[in-house]
């Protein structure tokens, strides 16, 4: 997965959560980049017909952008589930974020043969929890209670 895919995934998740276009600020915050960097990539996504950016309204993915974003999200879910279920990595979210930019489709498909991914993937991804809803993990906030 490359940086483009990380942006597509972020825009997709924000769109789904907000039920509308994603603001540049929200995209920048989610990816922990500057608004200028987010604007630059949004321009590239527009040039590739993956997104539409309307000033003061936000960014919406095109049908092709949505398809690529869902593929990227599915790969991310596969990585998370492999780290948690197979390798039992406690900090799987951090590790998955680091790995998502270097895991290609071939490796993701091979990891997918090891985990028991459900047909609902990637719709099972919970943006607030930053993990698949099917994973048996507690939110950090619940663990602190």
Protein backbone atom coordinates (compact mmCIF):
# COMPACT_ATOMS: atom_id res chain seq x y z
CA UNK A 1 0.00 0.00 0.00
CA UNK A 2 1.37 3.41 -0.86
CA UNK A 3 0.72 6.89 0.46
CA UNK A 4 -2.05 7.35 -2.09
CA UNK A 5 -3.86 4.36 -0.60
CA UNK A 6 -3.44 5.73 2.92
CA UNK A 7 -5.11 8.99 1.82
CA UNK A 8 -7.89 7.15 0.01
CA UNK A 9 -8.53 5.03 3.09
CA UNK A 10 -8.58 8.10 5.35
CA UNK A 11 -10.96 10.01 3.09
CA UNK A 12 -13.22 6.97 2.81
CA UNK A 13 -13.39 6.49 6.59
CA UNK A 14 -14.09 10.18 7.23
CA UNK A 15 -16.77 10.23 4.52
CA UNK A 16 -18.43 7.19 6.05
CA UNK A 17 -18.24 8.60 9.57
CA UNK A 18 -19.46 12.11 8.63
CA UNK A 19 -21.87 10.91 5.93
CA UNK A 20 -20.48 13.54 3.59
CA UNK A 21 -17.30 15.06 2.18
CA UNK A 22 -14.11 14.89 4.23
CA UNK A 23 -12.50 18.16 5.28
CA UNK A 24 -8.84 18.69 4.52
CA UNK A 25 -8.21 19.34 8.21
CA UNK A 26 -9.78 16.03 9.24
CA UNK A 27 -7.72 14.19 6.63
CA UNK A 28 -4.53 15.88 7.82
CA UNK A 29 -5.35 15.10 11.47
CA UNK A 30 -6.12 11.44 10.80
CA UNK A 31 -2.90 10.94 8.83
CA UNK A 32 -0.85 13.17 11.14
CA UNK A 33 0.37 15.35 8.27
CA UNK A 34 0.23 19.09 7.63
CA UNK A 35 -2.82 20.55 5.87
CA UNK A 36 -0.47 21.61 3.06
CA UNK A 37 0.65 18.00 2.55
CA UNK A 38 -2.96 16.84 2.59
CA UNK A 39 -3.89 19.48 -0.01
CA UNK A 40 -1.02 18.41 -2.24
CA UNK A 41 -2.09 14.75 -2.22
CA UNK A 42 -5.75 15.67 -2.66
CA UNK A 43 -4.72 17.53 -5.83
CA UNK A 44 -2.94 14.40 -7.06
CA UNK A 45 -5.99 12.26 -6.29
CA UNK A 46 -8.14 14.70 -8.25
CA UNK A 47 -5.76 14.58 -11.21
CA UNK A 48 -6.05 10.77 -11.18
CA UNK A 49 -9.88 10.99 -11.08
CA UNK A 50 -10.00 9.31 -7.67
CA UNK A 51 -11.40 12.28 -5.75
CA UNK A 52 -13.33 15.52 -6.20
CA UNK A 53 -12.39 18.50 -4.04
CA UNK A 54 -14.81 21.35 -3.69
CA UNK A 55 -13.41 24.36 -1.85
CA UNK A 56 -15.10 24.94 1.54
CA UNK A 57 -17.12 21.70 1.18
CA UNK A 58 -14.46 19.01 1.28
CA UNK A 59 -13.25 15.96 -0.57
CA UNK A 60 -15.39 13.15 -1.95
CA UNK A 61 -14.08 10.00 -3.55
CA UNK A 62 -15.14 9.01 -7.05
CA UNK A 63 -16.40 5.49 -7.67
CA UNK A 64 -12.85 4.43 -8.62
CA UNK A 65 -11.53 6.14 -5.50
CA UNK A 66 -14.04 4.30 -3.31
CA UNK A 67 -13.09 0.98 -4.87
CA UNK A 68 -9.37 1.59 -4.25
CA UNK A 69 -10.06 2.86 -0.72
CA UNK A 70 -12.04 -0.28 0.14
CA UNK A 71 -9.21 -2.45 -1.22
CA UNK A 72 -6.71 -0.49 0.90
CA UNK A 73 -8.92 -0.81 3.98
CA UNK A 74 -9.29 -4.54 3.43
CA UNK A 75 -5.50 -4.91 3.23
CA UNK A 76 -5.16 -2.91 6.45
CA UNK A 77 -7.73 -5.16 8.16
CA UNK A 78 -5.85 -8.25 7.01
CA UNK A 79 -2.63 -6.88 8.50
CA UNK A 80 -4.33 -5.98 11.78
CA UNK A 81 -6.00 -9.35 12.13
CA UNK A 82 -2.79 -11.22 11.29
CA UNK A 83 -0.82 -9.22 13.86
CA UNK A 84 -3.45 -9.71 16.58
CA UNK A 85 -4.75 -13.22 15.92
CA UNK A 86 -1.65 -14.99 14.65
CA UNK A 87 1.34 -13.12 16.05
CA UNK A 88 -0.49 -11.86 19.17
CA UNK A 89 1.08 -8.41 18.87
CA UNK A 90 -0.32 -6.23 21.68
CA UNK A 91 0.23 -2.93 19.86
CA UNK A 92 -1.17 -4.24 16.56
CA UNK A 93 -2.65 -0.88 15.54
CA UNK A 94 0.72 0.89 15.56
CA UNK A 95 2.42 -2.02 13.81
CA UNK A 96 -0.33 -2.21 11.17
CA UNK A 97 0.03 1.50 10.41
CA UNK A 98 3.76 1.03 9.90
CA UNK A 99 3.33 -2.05 7.75
CA UNK A 100 0.45 -0.92 5.55
CA UNK A 101 2.68 1.19 3.31
CA UNK A 102 5.09 -1.69 2.61
CA UNK A 103 2.74 -4.69 2.32
CA UNK A 104 1.75 -5.26 -1.29
CA UNK A 105 -1.29 -7.09 -2.64
CA UNK A 106 0.57 -10.41 -2.99
CA UNK A 107 1.70 -10.45 0.64
CA UNK A 108 -1.76 -9.35 1.81
CA UNK A 109 -3.33 -12.23 -0.12
CA UNK A 110 -0.93 -14.68 1.52
CA UNK A 111 -1.66 -13.29 4.97
CA UNK A 112 -5.35 -13.55 4.15
CA UNK A 113 -5.01 -17.32 3.69
CA UNK A 114 -3.81 -17.57 7.31
CA UNK A 115 -6.52 -15.52 9.01
CA UNK A 116 -10.24 -16.23 9.01
CA UNK A 117 -11.37 -13.06 7.24
CA UNK A 118 -15.13 -12.62 7.05
CA UNK A 119 -17.12 -11.72 3.94
CA UNK A 120 -18.19 -8.44 5.56
CA UNK A 121 -14.61 -7.09 5.35
CA UNK A 122 -13.89 -4.18 5.06
CA UNK A 123 -17.34 -3.06 6.30
CA UNK A 124 -16.47 -4.58 9.68
CA UNK A 125 -13.84 -1.87 10.28
CA UNK A 126 -14.68 0.50 13.14
CA UNK A 127 -12.97 3.85 12.52
CA UNK A 128 -13.35 4.98 16.14
CA UNK A 129 -11.79 1.80 17.47
CA UNK A 130 -9.28 1.80 14.58
CA UNK A 131 -9.74 -1.94 14.26
CA UNK A 132 -11.97 -4.62 12.85
CA UNK A 133 -15.13 -5.00 14.94
CA UNK A 134 -14.66 -8.77 14.79
CA UNK A 135 -11.37 -8.64 16.69
CA UNK A 136 -11.66 -9.66 20.31
CA UNK A 137 -9.94 -6.58 21.75
CA UNK A 138 -10.93 -4.01 24.33
CA UNK A 139 -10.72 -0.32 23.67
CA UNK A 140 -7.98 1.39 25.67
CA UNK A 141 -10.58 3.67 27.26
CA UNK A 142 -12.59 0.67 28.49
CA UNK A 143 -9.46 -0.97 29.87
CA UNK A 144 -8.70 2.17 31.91
CA UNK A 145 -12.12 2.07 33.65
